[in-house]
Amino acid sequence: MWADEAALDEATHRLDDWEASIADRAARAKELASQVQTMRGTATNPDRTIQVTVDSSGLLVDLRLDERIRQHSAVHTARQILDTTRAAHADLLSSLTKATTGILGAGDPTAAALVESYRRRLDPDQGTPDARR
């Protein structure tokens, strides 16, 4: 089947390179998954009366309210909590973007897809029109 040994050696070399590339990508993906699992996003509102922390999926895991919050109306407090949660999502997205591009590379299509997926989930206003459903 192979015309000469050089062609066989070249094919074997290409297969070895391909296998090493797959193993390297798998190791990097595992490292990224491990980092993403432990990521948190945190933000504090301007007057430092509200602090919000979200987990790696963007879910609220901690909400701290300073006693000074009682000086504000419930509507104001609710708006501040929502705004601060959005800022925590932005913090999470920033951390995820840095980790993803650092591990997979800035030009990697998988990195871009992963970051875009998180962006659509964490900031539906920036996503597609049906993201607000």
N, C-alpha and C. Protein backbone atom coordinates (compact mmCIF):
# COMPACT_ATOMS: atom_id res chain seq x y z
N MET A 1 0.81 -1.18 0.00
CA MET A 1 0.00 0.00 0.00
C MET A 1 0.86 1.26 0.00
N TRP A 2 1.91 1.33 0.79
CA TRP A 2 2.78 2.50 0.83
C TRP A 2 3.89 2.33 -0.20
N ALA A 3 4.08 3.38 -0.99
CA ALA A 3 5.06 3.33 -2.07
C ALA A 3 6.47 3.27 -1.52
N ASP A 4 6.71 3.92 -0.42
CA ASP A 4 8.06 3.88 0.13
C ASP A 4 8.01 4.10 1.64
N GLU A 5 9.09 3.84 2.27
CA GLU A 5 9.21 3.98 3.72
C GLU A 5 9.06 5.42 4.17
N ALA A 6 9.52 6.36 3.35
CA ALA A 6 9.44 7.77 3.71
C ALA A 6 7.98 8.21 3.86
N ALA A 7 7.12 7.75 2.96
CA ALA A 7 5.71 8.10 3.03
C ALA A 7 5.07 7.49 4.27
N LEU A 8 5.45 6.26 4.61
CA LEU A 8 4.94 5.60 5.81
C LEU A 8 5.42 6.34 7.06
N ASP A 9 6.68 6.71 7.08
CA ASP A 9 7.21 7.46 8.22
C ASP A 9 6.50 8.81 8.38
N GLU A 10 6.26 9.48 7.27
CA GLU A 10 5.56 10.76 7.32
C GLU A 10 4.14 10.60 7.84
N ALA A 11 3.44 9.58 7.40
CA ALA A 11 2.08 9.33 7.87
C ALA A 11 2.08 9.00 9.36
N THR A 12 3.04 8.22 9.80
CA THR A 12 3.15 7.89 11.22
C THR A 12 3.45 9.14 12.04
N HIS A 13 4.32 9.98 11.52
CA HIS A 13 4.67 11.23 12.21
C HIS A 13 3.44 12.13 12.33
N ARG A 14 2.64 12.24 11.27
CA ARG A 14 1.43 13.06 11.31
C ARG A 14 0.43 12.52 12.31
N LEU A 15 0.28 11.21 12.36
CA LEU A 15 -0.63 10.60 13.34
C LEU A 15 -0.16 10.86 14.77
N ASP A 16 1.14 10.75 14.99
CA ASP A 16 1.70 11.02 16.32
C ASP A 16 1.46 12.48 16.73
N ASP A 17 1.68 13.41 15.79
CA ASP A 17 1.44 14.83 16.06
C ASP A 17 -0.04 15.09 16.38
N TRP A 18 -0.91 14.46 15.61
CA TRP A 18 -2.34 14.62 15.80
C TRP A 18 -2.75 14.09 17.18
N GLU A 19 -2.24 12.93 17.55
CA GLU A 19 -2.54 12.35 18.85
C GLU A 19 -2.03 13.25 19.99
N ALA A 20 -0.84 13.78 19.84
CA ALA A 20 -0.29 14.68 20.86
C ALA A 20 -1.12 15.96 20.96
N SER A 21 -1.57 16.46 19.82
CA SER A 21 -2.40 17.66 19.80
C SER A 21 -3.72 17.42 20.53
N ILE A 22 -4.32 16.28 20.31
CA ILE A 22 -5.58 15.94 20.99
C ILE A 22 -5.36 15.80 22.49
N ALA A 23 -4.29 15.16 22.87
CA ALA A 23 -3.98 15.00 24.29
C ALA A 23 -3.73 16.35 24.95
N ASP A 24 -3.04 17.24 24.24
CA ASP A 24 -2.77 18.57 24.77
C ASP A 24 -4.07 19.37 24.94
N ARG A 25 -4.95 19.32 23.94
CA ARG A 25 -6.23 20.04 24.02
C ARG A 25 -7.09 19.48 25.15
N ALA A 26 -7.07 18.17 25.33
CA ALA A 26 -7.84 17.56 26.41
C ALA A 26 -7.32 18.01 27.78
N ALA A 27 -6.01 18.08 27.92
CA ALA A 27 -5.42 18.53 29.19
C ALA A 27 -5.77 19.99 29.45
N ARG A 28 -5.71 20.82 28.42
CA ARG A 28 -6.05 22.23 28.59
C ARG A 28 -7.53 22.41 28.91
N ALA A 29 -8.38 21.60 28.26
CA ALA A 29 -9.83 21.67 28.53
C ALA A 29 -10.12 21.25 29.97
N LYS A 30 -9.43 20.24 30.44
CA LYS A 30 -9.62 19.78 31.82
C LYS A 30 -9.17 20.87 32.81
N GLU A 31 -8.05 21.50 32.52
CA GLU A 31 -7.55 22.59 33.38
C GLU A 31 -8.55 23.75 33.40
N LEU A 32 -9.07 24.11 32.24
CA LEU A 32 -10.04 25.20 32.16
C LEU A 32 -11.31 24.85 32.92
N ALA A 33 -11.82 23.64 32.74
CA ALA A 33 -13.04 23.22 33.44
C ALA A 33 -12.85 23.29 34.95
N SER A 34 -11.68 22.89 35.41
CA SER A 34 -11.38 22.94 36.83
C SER A 34 -11.39 24.38 37.34
N GLN A 35 -10.80 25.28 36.58
CA GLN A 35 -10.76 26.69 36.98
C GLN A 35 -12.15 27.32 36.95
N VAL A 36 -12.91 27.02 35.91
CA VAL A 36 -14.24 27.61 35.75
C VAL A 36 -15.16 27.18 36.89
N GLN A 37 -15.07 25.93 37.30
CA GLN A 37 -15.93 25.43 38.38
C GLN A 37 -15.80 26.25 39.65
N THR A 38 -14.62 26.76 39.94
CA THR A 38 -14.39 27.48 41.19
C THR A 38 -14.51 28.99 41.04
N MET A 39 -14.80 29.47 39.85
CA MET A 39 -14.88 30.91 39.63
C MET A 39 -16.08 31.53 40.32
N ARG A 40 -15.89 32.76 40.72
CA ARG A 40 -16.94 33.57 41.32
C ARG A 40 -16.84 34.97 40.71
N GLY A 41 -17.96 35.64 40.66
CA GLY A 41 -17.98 37.05 40.28
C GLY A 41 -18.52 37.83 41.45
N THR A 42 -17.87 38.92 41.78
CA THR A 42 -18.30 39.73 42.92
C THR A 42 -18.33 41.20 42.52
N ALA A 43 -19.32 41.90 43.07
CA ALA A 43 -19.42 43.35 42.82
C ALA A 43 -20.03 44.03 44.04
N THR A 44 -19.69 45.28 44.18
CA THR A 44 -20.22 46.12 45.26
C THR A 44 -20.80 47.37 44.63
N ASN A 45 -21.94 47.81 45.13
CA ASN A 45 -22.56 49.01 44.56
C ASN A 45 -21.76 50.25 44.97
N PRO A 46 -22.01 51.39 44.31
CA PRO A 46 -21.19 52.58 44.55
C PRO A 46 -21.13 53.06 46.01
N ASP A 47 -22.23 52.96 46.74
CA ASP A 47 -22.16 53.44 48.13
C ASP A 47 -21.77 52.33 49.11
N ARG A 48 -21.38 51.21 48.58
CA ARG A 48 -20.84 50.08 49.35
C ARG A 48 -21.84 49.51 50.36
N THR A 49 -23.13 49.62 50.04
CA THR A 49 -24.15 49.05 50.93
C THR A 49 -24.60 47.66 50.49
N ILE A 50 -24.23 47.28 49.27
CA ILE A 50 -24.63 45.98 48.73
C ILE A 50 -23.43 45.31 48.10
N GLN A 51 -23.25 44.03 48.42
CA GLN A 51 -22.22 43.22 47.77
C GLN A 51 -22.87 41.92 47.31
N VAL A 52 -22.65 41.59 46.06
CA VAL A 52 -23.24 40.40 45.45
C VAL A 52 -22.12 39.50 44.95
N THR A 53 -22.28 38.19 45.19
CA THR A 53 -21.36 37.19 44.64
C THR A 53 -22.18 36.15 43.89
N VAL A 54 -21.73 35.84 42.67
CA VAL A 54 -22.37 34.79 41.87
C VAL A 54 -21.37 33.66 41.64
N ASP A 55 -21.89 32.45 41.46
CA ASP A 55 -21.01 31.31 41.19
C ASP A 55 -20.70 31.22 39.70
N SER A 56 -20.03 30.16 39.32
CA SER A 56 -19.56 30.02 37.93
C SER A 56 -20.68 29.93 36.91
N SER A 57 -21.89 29.63 37.34
CA SER A 57 -23.01 29.60 36.40
C SER A 57 -23.82 30.89 36.44
N GLY A 58 -23.38 31.83 37.28
CA GLY A 58 -24.06 33.12 37.36
C GLY A 58 -25.15 33.18 38.42
N LEU A 59 -25.30 32.12 39.20
CA LEU A 59 -26.32 32.11 40.24
C LEU A 59 -25.85 32.83 41.49
N LEU A 60 -26.76 33.54 42.12
CA LEU A 60 -26.46 34.28 43.34
C LEU A 60 -26.09 33.30 44.45
N VAL A 61 -24.91 33.48 45.04
CA VAL A 61 -24.48 32.61 46.15
C VAL A 61 -24.24 33.40 47.43
N ASP A 62 -24.15 34.72 47.33
CA ASP A 62 -23.98 35.53 48.53
C ASP A 62 -24.49 36.94 48.26
N LEU A 63 -25.23 37.47 49.23
CA LEU A 63 -25.75 38.82 49.17
C LEU A 63 -25.53 39.45 50.53
N ARG A 64 -24.77 40.52 50.55
CA ARG A 64 -24.48 41.21 51.82
C ARG A 64 -25.06 42.62 51.74
N LEU A 65 -25.86 42.93 52.75
CA LEU A 65 -26.48 44.24 52.83
C LEU A 65 -26.00 44.94 54.09
N ASP A 66 -25.49 46.15 53.90
CA ASP A 66 -25.07 46.96 55.03
C ASP A 66 -26.31 47.54 55.72
N GLU A 67 -26.24 47.79 56.99
CA GLU A 67 -27.36 48.34 57.74
C GLU A 67 -27.82 49.68 57.16
N ARG A 68 -26.94 50.41 56.53
CA ARG A 68 -27.31 51.70 55.93
C ARG A 68 -28.35 51.55 54.83
N ILE A 69 -28.55 50.33 54.35
CA ILE A 69 -29.51 50.09 53.26
C ILE A 69 -30.92 50.46 53.71
N ARG A 70 -31.17 50.44 55.00
CA ARG A 70 -32.50 50.75 55.55
C ARG A 70 -32.89 52.21 55.29
N GLN A 71 -31.95 53.02 54.95
CA GLN A 71 -32.23 54.44 54.68
C GLN A 71 -32.86 54.64 53.29
N HIS A 72 -32.87 53.59 52.50
CA HIS A 72 -33.37 53.67 51.13
C HIS A 72 -34.70 52.94 51.00
N SER A 73 -35.45 53.31 49.99
CA SER A 73 -36.73 52.63 49.73
C SER A 73 -36.47 51.22 49.22
N ALA A 74 -37.48 50.39 49.31
CA ALA A 74 -37.38 49.02 48.82
C ALA A 74 -37.13 49.00 47.31
N VAL A 75 -37.76 49.92 46.58
CA VAL A 75 -37.57 50.00 45.13
C VAL A 75 -36.11 50.32 44.81
N HIS A 76 -35.55 51.29 45.52
CA HIS A 76 -34.15 51.67 45.31
C HIS A 76 -33.23 50.48 45.63
N THR A 77 -33.49 49.82 46.74
CA THR A 77 -32.66 48.67 47.14
C THR A 77 -32.75 47.55 46.11
N ALA A 78 -33.94 47.25 45.64
CA ALA A 78 -34.12 46.20 44.63
C ALA A 78 -33.35 46.54 43.36
N ARG A 79 -33.45 47.79 42.91
CA ARG A 79 -32.74 48.23 41.70
C ARG A 79 -31.22 48.08 41.89
N GLN A 80 -30.74 48.48 43.07
CA GLN A 80 -29.31 48.39 43.37
C GLN A 80 -28.85 46.93 43.40
N ILE A 81 -29.67 46.05 43.94
CA ILE A 81 -29.32 44.62 43.97
C ILE A 81 -29.22 44.08 42.55
N LEU A 82 -30.18 44.43 41.71
CA LEU A 82 -30.14 43.96 40.32
C LEU A 82 -28.93 44.52 39.58
N ASP A 83 -28.67 45.80 39.74
CA ASP A 83 -27.50 46.42 39.08
C ASP A 83 -26.20 45.79 39.56
N THR A 84 -26.11 45.54 40.86
CA THR A 84 -24.89 44.96 41.42
C THR A 84 -24.73 43.50 40.97
N THR A 85 -25.85 42.80 40.82
CA THR A 85 -25.79 41.43 40.30
C THR A 85 -25.28 41.43 38.87
N ARG A 86 -25.73 42.38 38.06
CA ARG A 86 -25.22 42.49 36.68
C ARG A 86 -23.71 42.76 36.68
N ALA A 87 -23.28 43.61 37.61
CA ALA A 87 -21.84 43.90 37.71
C ALA A 87 -21.07 42.65 38.15
N ALA A 88 -21.64 41.84 39.02
CA ALA A 88 -21.00 40.58 39.43
C ALA A 88 -20.92 39.62 38.24
N HIS A 89 -21.97 39.60 37.42
CA HIS A 89 -21.93 38.78 36.19
C HIS A 89 -20.81 39.26 35.27
N ALA A 90 -20.66 40.57 35.14
CA ALA A 90 -19.58 41.12 34.30
C ALA A 90 -18.22 40.74 34.85
N ASP A 91 -18.08 40.75 36.17
CA ASP A 91 -16.82 40.34 36.80
C ASP A 91 -16.53 38.87 36.51
N LEU A 92 -17.56 38.03 36.62
CA LEU A 92 -17.41 36.61 36.30
C LEU A 92 -17.01 36.43 34.83
N LEU A 93 -17.68 37.13 33.94
CA LEU A 93 -17.37 37.03 32.51
C LEU A 93 -15.94 37.46 32.22
N SER A 94 -15.49 38.50 32.88
CA SER A 94 -14.11 38.96 32.71
C SER A 94 -13.12 37.88 33.16
N SER A 95 -13.36 37.30 34.31
CA SER A 95 -12.48 36.23 34.81
C SER A 95 -12.48 35.03 33.88
N LEU A 96 -13.67 34.67 33.42
CA LEU A 96 -13.80 33.52 32.52
C LEU A 96 -13.08 33.80 31.20
N THR A 97 -13.21 35.00 30.68
CA THR A 97 -12.55 35.37 29.43
C THR A 97 -11.03 35.29 29.57
N LYS A 98 -10.51 35.84 30.67
CA LYS A 98 -9.07 35.80 30.90
C LYS A 98 -8.57 34.36 31.02
N ALA A 99 -9.27 33.53 31.77
CA ALA A 99 -8.84 32.14 31.94
C ALA A 99 -8.94 31.37 30.63
N THR A 100 -10.02 31.57 29.90
CA THR A 100 -10.23 30.85 28.65
C THR A 100 -9.18 31.21 27.61
N THR A 101 -8.95 32.51 27.41
CA THR A 101 -7.96 32.91 26.42
C THR A 101 -6.55 32.57 26.90
N GLY A 102 -6.32 32.60 28.20
CA GLY A 102 -5.00 32.24 28.73
C GLY A 102 -4.68 30.77 28.53
N ILE A 103 -5.68 29.92 28.66
CA ILE A 103 -5.45 28.48 28.56
C ILE A 103 -5.59 27.98 27.13
N LEU A 104 -6.63 28.44 26.43
CA LEU A 104 -6.87 27.93 25.07
C LEU A 104 -6.27 28.82 23.99
N GLY A 105 -6.04 30.09 24.31
CA GLY A 105 -5.50 31.01 23.32
C GLY A 105 -6.57 31.96 22.82
N ALA A 106 -6.16 33.19 22.55
CA ALA A 106 -7.11 34.23 22.14
C ALA A 106 -7.77 33.92 20.80
N GLY A 107 -7.07 33.28 19.91
CA GLY A 107 -7.63 33.00 18.59
C GLY A 107 -8.33 31.66 18.47
N ASP A 108 -8.43 30.93 19.58
CA ASP A 108 -9.03 29.60 19.54
C ASP A 108 -10.55 29.69 19.38
N PRO A 109 -11.12 29.00 18.38
CA PRO A 109 -12.57 29.07 18.16
C PRO A 109 -13.37 28.49 19.33
N THR A 110 -12.84 27.49 20.01
CA THR A 110 -13.52 26.93 21.17
C THR A 110 -13.58 27.96 22.30
N ALA A 111 -12.49 28.68 22.49
CA ALA A 111 -12.45 29.73 23.52
C ALA A 111 -13.49 30.81 23.19
N ALA A 112 -13.53 31.22 21.95
CA ALA A 112 -14.49 32.26 21.54
C ALA A 112 -15.93 31.78 21.74
N ALA A 113 -16.21 30.53 21.39
CA ALA A 113 -17.57 29.99 21.55
C ALA A 113 -17.96 29.90 23.03
N LEU A 114 -17.03 29.48 23.86
CA LEU A 114 -17.29 29.36 25.29
C LEU A 114 -17.58 30.73 25.89
N VAL A 115 -16.75 31.71 25.59
CA VAL A 115 -16.95 33.06 26.11
C VAL A 115 -18.28 33.63 25.61
N GLU A 116 -18.59 33.43 24.35
CA GLU A 116 -19.85 33.94 23.80
C GLU A 116 -21.05 33.27 24.45
N SER A 117 -20.94 31.99 24.74
CA SER A 117 -22.01 31.27 25.43
C SER A 117 -22.27 31.87 26.81
N TYR A 118 -21.21 32.13 27.55
CA TYR A 118 -21.36 32.77 28.86
C TYR A 118 -21.90 34.18 28.72
N ARG A 119 -21.43 34.91 27.72
CA ARG A 119 -21.89 36.28 27.51
C ARG A 119 -23.41 36.30 27.27
N ARG A 120 -23.90 35.41 26.44
CA ARG A 120 -25.35 35.35 26.17
C ARG A 120 -26.13 35.00 27.43
N ARG A 121 -25.59 34.10 28.24
CA ARG A 121 -26.27 33.68 29.45
C ARG A 121 -26.23 34.76 30.54
N LEU A 122 -25.09 35.39 30.71
CA LEU A 122 -24.92 36.35 31.81
C LEU A 122 -25.39 37.75 31.47
N ASP A 123 -25.44 38.10 30.20
CA ASP A 123 -25.84 39.44 29.79
C ASP A 123 -26.83 39.33 28.63
N PRO A 124 -28.07 38.91 28.95
CA PRO A 124 -29.03 38.67 27.87
C PRO A 124 -29.33 39.90 27.03
N ASP A 125 -29.14 41.11 27.57
CA ASP A 125 -29.37 42.32 26.79
C ASP A 125 -28.40 42.43 25.62
N GLN A 126 -27.23 41.81 25.75
CA GLN A 126 -26.23 41.86 24.68
C GLN A 126 -26.38 40.68 23.71
N GLY A 127 -27.23 39.74 24.06
CA GLY A 127 -27.39 38.52 23.25
C GLY A 127 -28.42 38.71 22.16
N THR A 128 -29.03 37.61 21.79
CA THR A 128 -30.04 37.63 20.74
C THR A 128 -31.36 38.16 21.29
N PRO A 129 -32.27 38.61 20.43
CA PRO A 129 -33.56 39.15 20.89
C PRO A 129 -34.35 38.18 21.76
N ASP A 130 -34.27 36.86 21.51
CA ASP A 130 -35.03 35.93 22.35
C ASP A 130 -34.34 35.61 23.65
N ALA A 131 -33.19 36.18 23.92
CA ALA A 131 -32.49 35.89 25.17
C ALA A 131 -33.24 36.45 26.37
N ARG A 132 -34.17 37.38 26.14
CA ARG A 132 -34.88 38.00 27.26
C ARG A 132 -36.11 37.23 27.68
N ARG A 133 -36.44 36.15 27.02
CA ARG A 133 -37.64 35.37 27.36
C ARG A 133 -37.64 34.91 28.78
